[in-house]
Amino acid sequence: MTNEMAGATPAAPAENEAVLALQNVYLKDCSYEAPNGPRVDGNWNPQISLDLQTSSNALGTDLREVVLTVTVSAKLGETTIFLVEVKQAGLFLIRNLGEADLKRAVSTICPGVLFPYARSAVSQLVSQGGFPQFLLPPVNFEALYAANQQGQPQVTN
C-alpha cells in the first residue's frame, strides 16, 4: 500500500491560526492500595466509585501541562478492596485560543486524549494486584464540562 503523502511535510499553521497539538504523554504519579490483597470473601460484586479531576499549568507562552487524575475505589460493604489513583499527564502546544476556548480544550479535548492512557494504567494496576480484569467505562468529557458550566452536580459513573 502506498501513501501519496509519505515524505510530504505538513503545512505550517498560519501565525494566527488556532493550534492544539499533543507533544508528550506521561504517567506523572500513581498509587495502588489493596489492604487485604485479592482475598475477598463472598461474591465479587464491589461498589465502584470513580472520580475524575483535571488540572492545568502553563509552562511557557504556548506550552501547557494538563493532568487528568483518575481515582477508583472498590468496596464490598464498608471494606475497601482496592484504591487506585493515576495522574496521567500530557504536554500540549496550545496557541491562539481565546480564554473560553482554552478552558474548553483543557476540560474536554485534553482529558479525552489522556483518558485511554489512564484507563490502561488503572486496568494494569488492578490486574497486577490479583483482581479480575477491570476496565473503566467511557467518559464523555463534553457532557461533564457542560454540566459543570450549568452548575449541575457531576456524575461520573
C-alpha atoms as a PDB file:
ATOM      1  CA  MET A   1       0.000   0.000   0.000  1.00  0.00           C
ATOM      2  CA  THR A   2       1.457   3.337  -0.933  1.00  0.00           C
ATOM      3  CA  ASN A   3       0.838   6.632   0.708  1.00  0.00           C
ATOM      4  CA  GLU A   4       0.965   9.600  -1.614  1.00  0.00           C
ATOM      5  CA  MET A   5       1.518  11.864   1.389  1.00  0.00           C
ATOM      6  CA  ALA A   6       4.565   9.912   2.601  1.00  0.00           C
ATOM      7  CA  GLY A   7       7.536  12.194   2.832  1.00  0.00           C
ATOM      8  CA  ALA A   8       5.387  15.310   2.500  1.00  0.00           C
ATOM      9  CA  THR A   9       5.804  17.816   5.268  1.00  0.00           C
ATOM     10  CA  PRO A  10       2.621  19.225   6.747  1.00  0.00           C
ATOM     11  CA  ALA A  11       1.989  22.864   6.032  1.00  0.00           C
ATOM     12  CA  ALA A  12       2.944  25.135   8.901  1.00  0.00           C
ATOM     13  CA  PRO A  13      -0.102  26.711  10.528  1.00  0.00           C
ATOM     14  CA  ALA A  14      -0.711  30.354   9.802  1.00  0.00           C
ATOM     15  CA  GLU A  15       0.619  32.630  12.504  1.00  0.00           C
ATOM     16  CA  ASN A  16      -2.851  33.477  13.857  1.00  0.00           C
ATOM     17  CA  GLU A  17      -4.384  30.017  13.329  1.00  0.00           C
ATOM     18  CA  ALA A  18      -5.529  28.112  16.421  1.00  0.00           C
ATOM     19  CA  VAL A  19      -3.217  25.229  17.364  1.00  0.00           C
ATOM     20  CA  LEU A  20      -3.771  22.376  19.809  1.00  0.00           C
ATOM     21  CA  ALA A  21      -1.112  19.689  19.449  1.00  0.00           C
ATOM     22  CA  LEU A  22      -0.056  16.897  21.773  1.00  0.00           C
ATOM     23  CA  GLN A  23       3.688  16.986  22.475  1.00  0.00           C
ATOM     24  CA  ASN A  24       4.139  14.259  25.095  1.00  0.00           C
ATOM     25  CA  VAL A  25       2.142  11.854  27.299  1.00  0.00           C
ATOM     26  CA  TYR A  26       3.497  10.521  30.591  1.00  0.00           C
ATOM     27  CA  LEU A  27       2.448   8.943  33.856  1.00  0.00           C
ATOM     28  CA  LYS A  28       3.049  11.638  36.463  1.00  0.00           C
ATOM     29  CA  ASP A  29       2.049   9.689  39.576  1.00  0.00           C
ATOM     30  CA  CYS A  30       0.189   6.549  40.567  1.00  0.00           C
ATOM     31  CA  SER A  31      -0.884   4.821  43.737  1.00  0.00           C
ATOM     32  CA  TYR A  32      -2.365   1.388  44.356  1.00  0.00           C
ATOM     33  CA  GLU A  33      -3.647   0.028  47.652  1.00  0.00           C
ATOM     34  CA  ALA A  34      -5.263  -3.319  48.382  1.00  0.00           C
ATOM     35  CA  PRO A  35      -5.400  -3.565  52.187  1.00  0.00           C
ATOM     36  CA  ASN A  36      -6.274  -7.284  52.173  1.00  0.00           C
ATOM     37  CA  GLY A  37      -4.875  -8.283  48.803  1.00  0.00           C
ATOM     38  CA  PRO A  38      -7.157 -10.191  46.452  1.00  0.00           C
ATOM     39  CA  ARG A  39      -8.641 -12.224  49.324  1.00  0.00           C
ATOM     40  CA  VAL A  40     -12.310 -11.416  49.016  1.00  0.00           C
ATOM     41  CA  ASP A  41     -14.970 -13.424  50.823  1.00  0.00           C
ATOM     42  CA  GLY A  42     -18.314 -13.813  49.089  1.00  0.00           C
ATOM     43  CA  ASN A  43     -19.393 -12.702  45.643  1.00  0.00           C
ATOM     44  CA  TRP A  44     -17.209 -10.398  43.583  1.00  0.00           C
ATOM     45  CA  ASN A  45     -19.639  -7.551  43.059  1.00  0.00           C
ATOM     46  CA  PRO A  46     -17.932  -4.473  44.500  1.00  0.00           C
ATOM     47  CA  GLN A  47     -19.317  -0.966  44.584  1.00  0.00           C
ATOM     48  CA  ILE A  48     -17.075   1.081  42.323  1.00  0.00           C
ATOM     49  CA  SER A  49     -16.513   4.787  42.860  1.00  0.00           C
ATOM     50  CA  LEU A  50     -14.898   6.848  40.085  1.00  0.00           C
ATOM     51  CA  ASP A  51     -13.643  10.401  40.500  1.00  0.00           C
ATOM     52  CA  LEU A  52     -12.103  12.482  37.699  1.00  0.00           C
ATOM     53  CA  GLN A  53     -10.221  15.747  38.118  1.00  0.00           C
ATOM     54  CA  THR A  54      -8.358  17.848  35.554  1.00  0.00           C
ATOM     55  CA  SER A  55      -5.708  20.443  36.283  1.00  0.00           C
ATOM     56  CA  SER A  56      -3.550  22.562  34.032  1.00  0.00           C
ATOM     57  CA  ASN A  57      -0.297  24.564  34.322  1.00  0.00           C
ATOM     58  CA  ALA A  58       1.140  26.960  31.781  1.00  0.00           C
ATOM     59  CA  LEU A  59       4.791  26.007  31.203  1.00  0.00           C
ATOM     60  CA  GLY A  60       5.515  28.812  28.788  1.00  0.00           C
ATOM     61  CA  THR A  61       3.752  31.014  26.308  1.00  0.00           C
ATOM     62  CA  ASP A  62       2.314  28.165  24.241  1.00  0.00           C
ATOM     63  CA  LEU A  63       3.073  25.014  26.267  1.00  0.00           C
ATOM     64  CA  ARG A  64       0.640  23.668  28.849  1.00  0.00           C
ATOM     65  CA  GLU A  65       0.774  20.598  31.078  1.00  0.00           C
ATOM     66  CA  VAL A  66      -2.640  19.010  31.612  1.00  0.00           C
ATOM     67  CA  VAL A  67      -3.034  16.371  34.334  1.00  0.00           C
ATOM     68  CA  LEU A  68      -6.010  14.008  34.466  1.00  0.00           C
ATOM     69  CA  THR A  69      -6.385  12.441  37.901  1.00  0.00           C
ATOM     70  CA  VAL A  70      -8.447   9.247  37.959  1.00  0.00           C
ATOM     71  CA  THR A  71      -9.334   7.802  41.366  1.00  0.00           C
ATOM     72  CA  VAL A  72     -11.106   4.448  41.558  1.00  0.00           C
ATOM     73  CA  SER A  73     -12.155   2.694  44.737  1.00  0.00           C
ATOM     74  CA  ALA A  74     -13.815  -0.684  45.063  1.00  0.00           C
ATOM     75  CA  LYS A  75     -15.694  -1.601  48.234  1.00  0.00           C
ATOM     76  CA  LEU A  76     -17.657  -4.564  49.466  1.00  0.00           C
ATOM     77  CA  GLY A  77     -19.910  -3.102  52.137  1.00  0.00           C
ATOM     78  CA  GLU A  78     -17.665  -0.858  54.204  1.00  0.00           C
ATOM     79  CA  THR A  79     -14.493  -2.789  53.346  1.00  0.00           C
ATOM     80  CA  THR A  80     -12.137  -1.218  50.809  1.00  0.00           C
ATOM     81  CA  ILE A  81     -10.998  -3.866  48.349  1.00  0.00           C
ATOM     82  CA  PHE A  82      -8.699  -1.631  46.316  1.00  0.00           C
ATOM     83  CA  LEU A  83      -7.972   2.023  45.757  1.00  0.00           C
ATOM     84  CA  VAL A  84      -6.168   3.256  42.649  1.00  0.00           C
ATOM     85  CA  GLU A  85      -5.132   6.788  41.763  1.00  0.00           C
ATOM     86  CA  VAL A  86      -3.459   7.608  38.465  1.00  0.00           C
ATOM     87  CA  LYS A  87      -2.243  11.041  37.399  1.00  0.00           C
ATOM     88  CA  GLN A  88      -1.873  10.893  33.632  1.00  0.00           C
ATOM     89  CA  ALA A  89      -0.238  13.981  32.176  1.00  0.00           C
ATOM     90  CA  GLY A  90       0.331  15.437  28.775  1.00  0.00           C
ATOM     91  CA  LEU A  91       2.158  18.394  27.315  1.00  0.00           C
ATOM     92  CA  PHE A  92       0.079  20.285  24.793  1.00  0.00           C
ATOM     93  CA  LEU A  93       1.109  23.041  22.445  1.00  0.00           C
ATOM     94  CA  ILE A  94      -1.804  25.491  22.578  1.00  0.00           C
ATOM     95  CA  ARG A  95      -1.704  28.679  20.587  1.00  0.00           C
ATOM     96  CA  ASN A  96      -4.195  31.367  19.545  1.00  0.00           C
ATOM     97  CA  LEU A  97      -7.164  30.170  21.592  1.00  0.00           C
ATOM     98  CA  GLY A  98      -9.372  32.643  23.421  1.00  0.00           C
ATOM     99  CA  GLU A  99      -9.901  32.181  27.158  1.00  0.00           C
ATOM    100  CA  ALA A 100     -13.220  30.329  26.729  1.00  0.00           C
ATOM    101  CA  ASP A 101     -11.821  28.033  24.019  1.00  0.00           C
ATOM    102  CA  LEU A 102      -8.696  27.363  26.101  1.00  0.00           C
ATOM    103  CA  LYS A 103     -10.803  26.424  29.131  1.00  0.00           C
ATOM    104  CA  ARG A 104     -12.979  24.137  26.999  1.00  0.00           C
ATOM    105  CA  ALA A 105      -9.942  22.468  25.368  1.00  0.00           C
ATOM    106  CA  VAL A 106      -8.252  21.855  28.732  1.00  0.00           C
ATOM    107  CA  SER A 107     -11.508  20.474  30.180  1.00  0.00           C
ATOM    108  CA  THR A 108     -12.651  18.304  27.270  1.00  0.00           C
ATOM    109  CA  ILE A 109     -10.160  17.647  24.472  1.00  0.00           C
ATOM    110  CA  CYS A 110      -7.012  17.206  26.568  1.00  0.00           C
ATOM    111  CA  PRO A 111      -8.580  14.822  29.139  1.00  0.00           C
ATOM    112  CA  GLY A 112     -10.162  12.913  26.258  1.00  0.00           C
ATOM    113  CA  VAL A 113      -6.678  12.353  24.820  1.00  0.00           C
ATOM    114  CA  LEU A 114      -5.232  11.354  28.222  1.00  0.00           C
ATOM    115  CA  PHE A 115      -8.087   9.108  29.396  1.00  0.00           C
ATOM    116  CA  PRO A 116      -7.184   5.966  27.376  1.00  0.00           C
ATOM    117  CA  TYR A 117      -3.681   6.049  28.881  1.00  0.00           C
ATOM    118  CA  ALA A 118      -5.094   6.448  32.411  1.00  0.00           C
ATOM    119  CA  ARG A 119      -7.635   3.680  31.751  1.00  0.00           C
ATOM    120  CA  SER A 120      -4.827   1.333  30.721  1.00  0.00           C
ATOM    121  CA  ALA A 121      -2.742   2.183  33.809  1.00  0.00           C
ATOM    122  CA  VAL A 122      -5.702   1.595  36.156  1.00  0.00           C
ATOM    123  CA  SER A 123      -6.531  -1.710  34.478  1.00  0.00           C
ATOM    124  CA  GLN A 124      -2.928  -2.891  34.678  1.00  0.00           C
ATOM    125  CA  LEU A 125      -2.562  -1.962  38.364  1.00  0.00           C
ATOM    126  CA  VAL A 126      -5.796  -3.741  39.337  1.00  0.00           C
ATOM    127  CA  SER A 127      -4.863  -6.869  37.342  1.00  0.00           C
ATOM    128  CA  GLN A 128      -1.352  -6.937  38.800  1.00  0.00           C
ATOM    129  CA  GLY A 129      -2.977  -6.737  42.234  1.00  0.00           C
ATOM    130  CA  GLY A 130      -4.592 -10.115  41.588  1.00  0.00           C
ATOM    131  CA  PHE A 131      -8.124  -8.908  40.912  1.00  0.00           C
ATOM    132  CA  PRO A 132     -10.309  -9.683  37.879  1.00  0.00           C
ATOM    133  CA  GLN A 133      -9.814  -7.518  34.816  1.00  0.00           C
ATOM    134  CA  PHE A 134     -11.176  -4.025  35.403  1.00  0.00           C
ATOM    135  CA  LEU A 135     -11.978  -1.588  32.604  1.00  0.00           C
ATOM    136  CA  LEU A 136     -13.163   1.943  33.212  1.00  0.00           C
ATOM    137  CA  PRO A 137     -16.275   2.884  31.254  1.00  0.00           C
ATOM    138  CA  PRO A 138     -16.026   5.542  28.545  1.00  0.00           C
ATOM    139  CA  VAL A 139     -16.286   9.115  29.800  1.00  0.00           C
ATOM    140  CA  ASN A 140     -17.991  11.966  27.949  1.00  0.00           C
ATOM    141  CA  PHE A 141     -15.851  14.945  28.941  1.00  0.00           C
ATOM    142  CA  GLU A 142     -18.031  17.283  26.841  1.00  0.00           C
ATOM    143  CA  ALA A 143     -21.101  16.328  28.906  1.00  0.00           C
ATOM    144  CA  LEU A 144     -19.177  16.732  32.174  1.00  0.00           C
ATOM    145  CA  TYR A 145     -17.957  20.159  31.070  1.00  0.00           C
ATOM    146  CA  ALA A 146     -21.466  21.228  30.030  1.00  0.00           C
ATOM    147  CA  ALA A 147     -22.917  20.054  33.353  1.00  0.00           C
ATOM    148  CA  ASN A 148     -20.172  21.889  35.232  1.00  0.00           C
ATOM    149  CA  GLN A 149     -20.880  25.101  33.278  1.00  0.00           C
ATOM    150  CA  GLN A 150     -24.561  24.869  34.181  1.00  0.00           C
ATOM    151  CA  GLY A 151     -23.740  24.308  37.842  1.00  0.00           C
ATOM    152  CA  GLN A 152     -25.110  20.768  37.862  1.00  0.00           C
ATOM    153  CA  PRO A 153     -23.501  18.136  40.078  1.00  0.00           C
ATOM    154  CA  GLN A 154     -21.063  15.989  38.139  1.00  0.00           C
ATOM    155  CA  VAL A 155     -21.883  12.309  37.880  1.00  0.00           C
ATOM    156  CA  THR A 156     -19.017  10.231  36.506  1.00  0.00           C
ATOM    157  CA  ASN A 157     -20.244   6.675  36.851  1.00  0.00           C
END
